[in-house]
């Protein structure tokens, strides 16, 4: 639970941190679901060139979906790292607050 006595920018940053963590968990759950699909799975077909236009024709639908989710995971992890750095800055800016 967020402390409402925290400055607004701290509350907003902590909320964003939680949302990004939720996104990361969702991507990881999806990666687990895709991993459990049979190798020839076509449950979620993707159009040609969706994953990597240079190599997508060599990948199965499952592999393409997994590649897309791994790319998404990288973006989410990058966002998490950026927000963690923002929290460090805010902790230095507001040393009298416990968050």
N, C-alpha and C. Protein backbone atom coordinates (compact mmCIF):
# COMPACT_ATOMS: atom_id res chain seq x y z
N UNK A 1 0.84 -1.17 0.00
CA UNK A 1 0.00 0.00 0.00
C UNK A 1 0.89 1.24 0.00
N UNK A 2 0.51 2.20 -0.81
CA UNK A 2 1.29 3.42 -0.92
C UNK A 2 0.95 4.36 0.23
N UNK A 3 1.97 5.00 0.74
CA UNK A 3 1.81 5.99 1.79
C UNK A 3 1.40 7.30 1.13
N UNK A 4 0.22 7.83 1.48
CA UNK A 4 -0.27 9.04 0.82
C UNK A 4 0.49 10.28 1.25
N UNK A 5 1.33 10.19 2.27
CA UNK A 5 2.11 11.35 2.67
C UNK A 5 3.37 11.52 1.82
N UNK A 6 3.64 10.56 0.97
CA UNK A 6 4.79 10.67 0.07
C UNK A 6 4.52 11.74 -0.99
N UNK A 7 5.56 12.38 -1.48
CA UNK A 7 5.38 13.34 -2.58
C UNK A 7 4.75 12.65 -3.80
N UNK A 8 4.01 13.42 -4.58
CA UNK A 8 3.28 12.89 -5.73
C UNK A 8 4.21 12.16 -6.71
N UNK A 9 5.38 12.72 -7.00
CA UNK A 9 6.27 12.07 -7.97
C UNK A 9 6.76 10.73 -7.45
N UNK A 10 6.90 10.58 -6.14
CA UNK A 10 7.30 9.30 -5.56
C UNK A 10 6.15 8.30 -5.69
N UNK A 11 4.94 8.74 -5.35
CA UNK A 11 3.78 7.84 -5.46
C UNK A 11 3.58 7.38 -6.90
N UNK A 12 3.72 8.31 -7.84
CA UNK A 12 3.56 7.97 -9.26
C UNK A 12 4.63 6.98 -9.71
N UNK A 13 5.85 7.21 -9.29
CA UNK A 13 6.96 6.32 -9.67
C UNK A 13 6.78 4.93 -9.07
N UNK A 14 6.35 4.86 -7.82
CA UNK A 14 6.12 3.55 -7.19
C UNK A 14 4.97 2.80 -7.86
N UNK A 15 3.93 3.53 -8.25
CA UNK A 15 2.82 2.90 -8.97
C UNK A 15 3.30 2.37 -10.32
N UNK A 16 4.08 3.16 -11.02
CA UNK A 16 4.62 2.72 -12.31
C UNK A 16 5.51 1.50 -12.13
N UNK A 17 6.29 1.47 -11.07
CA UNK A 17 7.14 0.31 -10.77
C UNK A 17 6.28 -0.94 -10.61
N UNK A 18 5.18 -0.82 -9.88
CA UNK A 18 4.30 -1.96 -9.67
C UNK A 18 3.66 -2.42 -10.98
N UNK A 19 3.25 -1.47 -11.80
CA UNK A 19 2.64 -1.82 -13.09
C UNK A 19 3.64 -2.54 -14.00
N UNK A 20 4.87 -2.09 -14.00
CA UNK A 20 5.90 -2.72 -14.83
C UNK A 20 6.19 -4.13 -14.31
N UNK A 21 6.23 -4.31 -13.00
CA UNK A 21 6.42 -5.64 -12.44
C UNK A 21 5.27 -6.57 -12.84
N UNK A 22 4.05 -6.04 -12.84
CA UNK A 22 2.89 -6.83 -13.28
C UNK A 22 3.03 -7.22 -14.75
N UNK A 23 3.49 -6.28 -15.59
CA UNK A 23 3.71 -6.57 -17.00
C UNK A 23 4.75 -7.67 -17.19
N UNK A 24 5.82 -7.58 -16.42
CA UNK A 24 6.88 -8.58 -16.51
C UNK A 24 6.35 -9.96 -16.13
N UNK A 25 5.56 -10.03 -15.08
CA UNK A 25 4.97 -11.31 -14.68
C UNK A 25 4.06 -11.85 -15.78
N UNK A 26 3.27 -10.99 -16.38
CA UNK A 26 2.36 -11.42 -17.46
C UNK A 26 3.15 -11.97 -18.65
N UNK A 27 4.22 -11.31 -19.03
CA UNK A 27 5.04 -11.78 -20.15
C UNK A 27 5.67 -13.13 -19.80
N UNK A 28 6.15 -13.27 -18.58
CA UNK A 28 6.76 -14.54 -18.17
C UNK A 28 5.74 -15.67 -18.14
N UNK A 29 4.52 -15.38 -17.73
CA UNK A 29 3.46 -16.39 -17.76
C UNK A 29 3.17 -16.80 -19.20
N UNK A 30 3.08 -15.81 -20.10
CA UNK A 30 2.84 -16.12 -21.51
C UNK A 30 3.98 -16.95 -22.11
N UNK A 31 5.20 -16.63 -21.74
CA UNK A 31 6.34 -17.42 -22.23
C UNK A 31 6.22 -18.87 -21.74
N UNK A 32 5.76 -19.06 -20.53
CA UNK A 32 5.55 -20.42 -20.01
C UNK A 32 4.46 -21.15 -20.77
N UNK A 33 3.40 -20.44 -21.12
CA UNK A 33 2.30 -21.05 -21.88
C UNK A 33 2.79 -21.45 -23.27
N UNK A 34 3.53 -20.56 -23.92
CA UNK A 34 4.06 -20.86 -25.25
C UNK A 34 5.02 -22.04 -25.19
N UNK A 35 5.83 -22.08 -24.15
CA UNK A 35 6.78 -23.18 -24.00
C UNK A 35 6.05 -24.52 -23.87
N UNK A 36 4.87 -24.51 -23.29
CA UNK A 36 4.10 -25.74 -23.11
C UNK A 36 3.33 -26.17 -24.36
N UNK A 37 3.26 -25.30 -25.37
CA UNK A 37 2.57 -25.67 -26.61
C UNK A 37 3.36 -26.75 -27.34
N UNK A 38 2.65 -27.64 -28.04
CA UNK A 38 3.38 -28.62 -28.84
C UNK A 38 4.17 -27.92 -29.95
N UNK A 39 5.24 -28.57 -30.39
CA UNK A 39 6.14 -27.94 -31.36
C UNK A 39 5.45 -27.49 -32.65
N UNK A 40 4.47 -28.19 -33.11
CA UNK A 40 3.80 -27.83 -34.36
C UNK A 40 2.61 -26.92 -34.14
N UNK A 41 2.50 -26.31 -32.98
CA UNK A 41 1.31 -25.53 -32.62
C UNK A 41 1.06 -24.39 -33.60
N UNK A 42 -0.20 -24.25 -33.96
CA UNK A 42 -0.62 -23.15 -34.81
C UNK A 42 -1.83 -22.47 -34.19
N UNK A 43 -1.92 -22.54 -32.89
CA UNK A 43 -3.07 -21.95 -32.19
C UNK A 43 -3.10 -20.43 -32.34
N UNK A 44 -1.95 -19.81 -32.40
CA UNK A 44 -1.85 -18.37 -32.51
C UNK A 44 -1.00 -18.02 -33.73
N UNK A 45 -1.52 -18.25 -34.93
CA UNK A 45 -0.71 -18.02 -36.13
C UNK A 45 -0.35 -16.54 -36.29
N UNK A 46 0.84 -16.32 -36.77
CA UNK A 46 1.34 -14.97 -37.03
C UNK A 46 1.56 -14.82 -38.52
N UNK A 47 1.38 -13.62 -38.99
CA UNK A 47 1.59 -13.36 -40.41
C UNK A 47 3.06 -13.47 -40.78
N UNK A 48 3.36 -13.62 -42.06
CA UNK A 48 4.75 -13.72 -42.48
C UNK A 48 5.52 -12.44 -42.14
N UNK A 49 6.73 -12.65 -41.65
CA UNK A 49 7.61 -11.52 -41.36
C UNK A 49 7.32 -10.81 -40.05
N UNK A 50 6.45 -11.35 -39.20
CA UNK A 50 6.10 -10.67 -37.97
C UNK A 50 7.27 -10.65 -36.99
N UNK A 51 7.98 -11.74 -36.88
CA UNK A 51 9.07 -11.82 -35.90
C UNK A 51 10.30 -11.11 -36.43
N UNK A 52 11.05 -11.76 -37.24
CA UNK A 52 12.28 -11.18 -37.79
C UNK A 52 12.19 -11.37 -39.30
N UNK A 53 12.05 -10.31 -40.03
CA UNK A 53 11.78 -10.42 -41.47
C UNK A 53 12.86 -11.18 -42.22
N UNK A 54 14.07 -11.22 -41.70
CA UNK A 54 15.14 -11.93 -42.38
C UNK A 54 15.14 -13.42 -42.16
N UNK A 55 14.52 -13.87 -41.05
CA UNK A 55 14.60 -15.29 -40.73
C UNK A 55 13.25 -15.90 -40.37
N UNK A 56 12.17 -15.14 -40.41
CA UNK A 56 10.90 -15.64 -39.90
C UNK A 56 10.39 -16.87 -40.65
N UNK A 57 10.72 -17.00 -41.93
CA UNK A 57 10.24 -18.16 -42.68
C UNK A 57 10.86 -19.46 -42.18
N UNK A 58 11.97 -19.39 -41.46
CA UNK A 58 12.62 -20.57 -40.91
C UNK A 58 12.05 -20.97 -39.55
N UNK A 59 11.20 -20.14 -38.97
CA UNK A 59 10.68 -20.37 -37.64
C UNK A 59 9.25 -20.88 -37.69
N UNK A 60 8.92 -21.75 -36.76
CA UNK A 60 7.54 -22.20 -36.64
C UNK A 60 6.71 -21.09 -36.00
N UNK A 61 5.39 -21.24 -36.04
CA UNK A 61 4.53 -20.25 -35.40
C UNK A 61 4.86 -20.13 -33.91
N UNK A 62 5.09 -21.26 -33.29
CA UNK A 62 5.43 -21.26 -31.86
C UNK A 62 6.74 -20.51 -31.63
N UNK A 63 7.74 -20.78 -32.44
CA UNK A 63 9.03 -20.11 -32.28
C UNK A 63 8.91 -18.61 -32.51
N UNK A 64 8.10 -18.20 -33.49
CA UNK A 64 7.92 -16.77 -33.76
C UNK A 64 7.25 -16.08 -32.57
N UNK A 65 6.21 -16.72 -32.03
CA UNK A 65 5.53 -16.14 -30.89
C UNK A 65 6.46 -16.05 -29.69
N UNK A 66 7.25 -17.09 -29.48
CA UNK A 66 8.20 -17.08 -28.38
C UNK A 66 9.23 -15.96 -28.57
N UNK A 67 9.70 -15.77 -29.78
CA UNK A 67 10.66 -14.71 -30.08
C UNK A 67 10.06 -13.33 -29.82
N UNK A 68 8.82 -13.14 -30.23
CA UNK A 68 8.15 -11.87 -29.98
C UNK A 68 8.00 -11.61 -28.49
N UNK A 69 7.63 -12.62 -27.74
CA UNK A 69 7.47 -12.46 -26.30
C UNK A 69 8.81 -12.21 -25.61
N UNK A 70 9.86 -12.85 -26.10
CA UNK A 70 11.19 -12.59 -25.53
C UNK A 70 11.62 -11.16 -25.79
N UNK A 71 11.30 -10.65 -26.98
CA UNK A 71 11.61 -9.24 -27.29
C UNK A 71 10.82 -8.31 -26.37
N UNK A 72 9.56 -8.63 -26.17
CA UNK A 72 8.73 -7.84 -25.27
C UNK A 72 9.28 -7.88 -23.85
N UNK A 73 9.74 -9.05 -23.43
CA UNK A 73 10.32 -9.18 -22.10
C UNK A 73 11.54 -8.27 -21.95
N UNK A 74 12.34 -8.17 -22.99
CA UNK A 74 13.52 -7.29 -22.95
C UNK A 74 13.10 -5.83 -22.76
N UNK A 75 12.06 -5.40 -23.46
CA UNK A 75 11.57 -4.03 -23.31
C UNK A 75 11.05 -3.79 -21.89
N UNK A 76 10.33 -4.75 -21.35
CA UNK A 76 9.79 -4.59 -20.00
C UNK A 76 10.93 -4.57 -18.97
N UNK A 77 11.92 -5.43 -19.14
CA UNK A 77 13.06 -5.43 -18.22
C UNK A 77 13.82 -4.11 -18.30
N UNK A 78 13.93 -3.55 -19.49
CA UNK A 78 14.59 -2.26 -19.64
C UNK A 78 13.79 -1.17 -18.93
N UNK A 79 12.47 -1.19 -19.07
CA UNK A 79 11.63 -0.22 -18.38
C UNK A 79 11.75 -0.38 -16.86
N UNK A 80 11.84 -1.61 -16.40
CA UNK A 80 11.99 -1.86 -14.96
C UNK A 80 13.32 -1.30 -14.46
N UNK A 81 14.36 -1.48 -15.23
CA UNK A 81 15.67 -0.94 -14.84
C UNK A 81 15.64 0.59 -14.78
N UNK A 82 14.98 1.19 -15.74
CA UNK A 82 14.89 2.66 -15.75
C UNK A 82 14.10 3.18 -14.55
N UNK A 83 13.01 2.51 -14.21
CA UNK A 83 12.21 2.97 -13.08
C UNK A 83 12.95 2.71 -11.77
N UNK A 84 13.72 1.64 -11.70
CA UNK A 84 14.54 1.39 -10.50
C UNK A 84 15.57 2.51 -10.32
N UNK A 85 16.16 2.95 -11.42
CA UNK A 85 17.11 4.06 -11.35
C UNK A 85 16.41 5.34 -10.91
N UNK A 86 15.20 5.53 -11.37
CA UNK A 86 14.41 6.71 -10.96
C UNK A 86 14.13 6.67 -9.46
N UNK A 87 13.85 5.50 -8.93
CA UNK A 87 13.60 5.35 -7.49
C UNK A 87 14.85 5.71 -6.69
N UNK A 88 16.01 5.32 -7.18
CA UNK A 88 17.26 5.67 -6.50
C UNK A 88 17.42 7.19 -6.45
N UNK A 89 17.13 7.85 -7.55
CA UNK A 89 17.22 9.31 -7.60
C UNK A 89 16.24 9.93 -6.60
N UNK A 90 15.03 9.40 -6.55
CA UNK A 90 14.02 9.94 -5.64
C UNK A 90 14.39 9.69 -4.18
N UNK A 91 15.00 8.56 -3.89
CA UNK A 91 15.44 8.30 -2.52
C UNK A 91 16.52 9.29 -2.09
N UNK A 92 17.37 9.68 -3.02
CA UNK A 92 18.37 10.70 -2.71
C UNK A 92 17.73 12.08 -2.56
N UNK A 93 16.71 12.33 -3.36
CA UNK A 93 16.03 13.62 -3.32
C UNK A 93 15.18 13.77 -2.05
N UNK A 94 14.63 12.66 -1.58
CA UNK A 94 13.74 12.67 -0.41
C UNK A 94 14.29 11.72 0.66
N UNK A 95 15.42 12.06 1.28
CA UNK A 95 16.04 11.14 2.24
C UNK A 95 15.24 10.95 3.53
N UNK A 96 14.31 11.83 3.82
CA UNK A 96 13.54 11.71 5.06
C UNK A 96 12.29 10.86 4.91
N UNK A 97 12.04 10.36 3.70
CA UNK A 97 10.88 9.51 3.45
C UNK A 97 11.32 8.06 3.35
N UNK A 98 10.50 7.19 3.86
CA UNK A 98 10.79 5.76 3.81
C UNK A 98 9.92 5.13 2.71
N UNK A 99 10.55 4.78 1.61
CA UNK A 99 9.83 4.10 0.52
C UNK A 99 10.73 3.14 -0.19
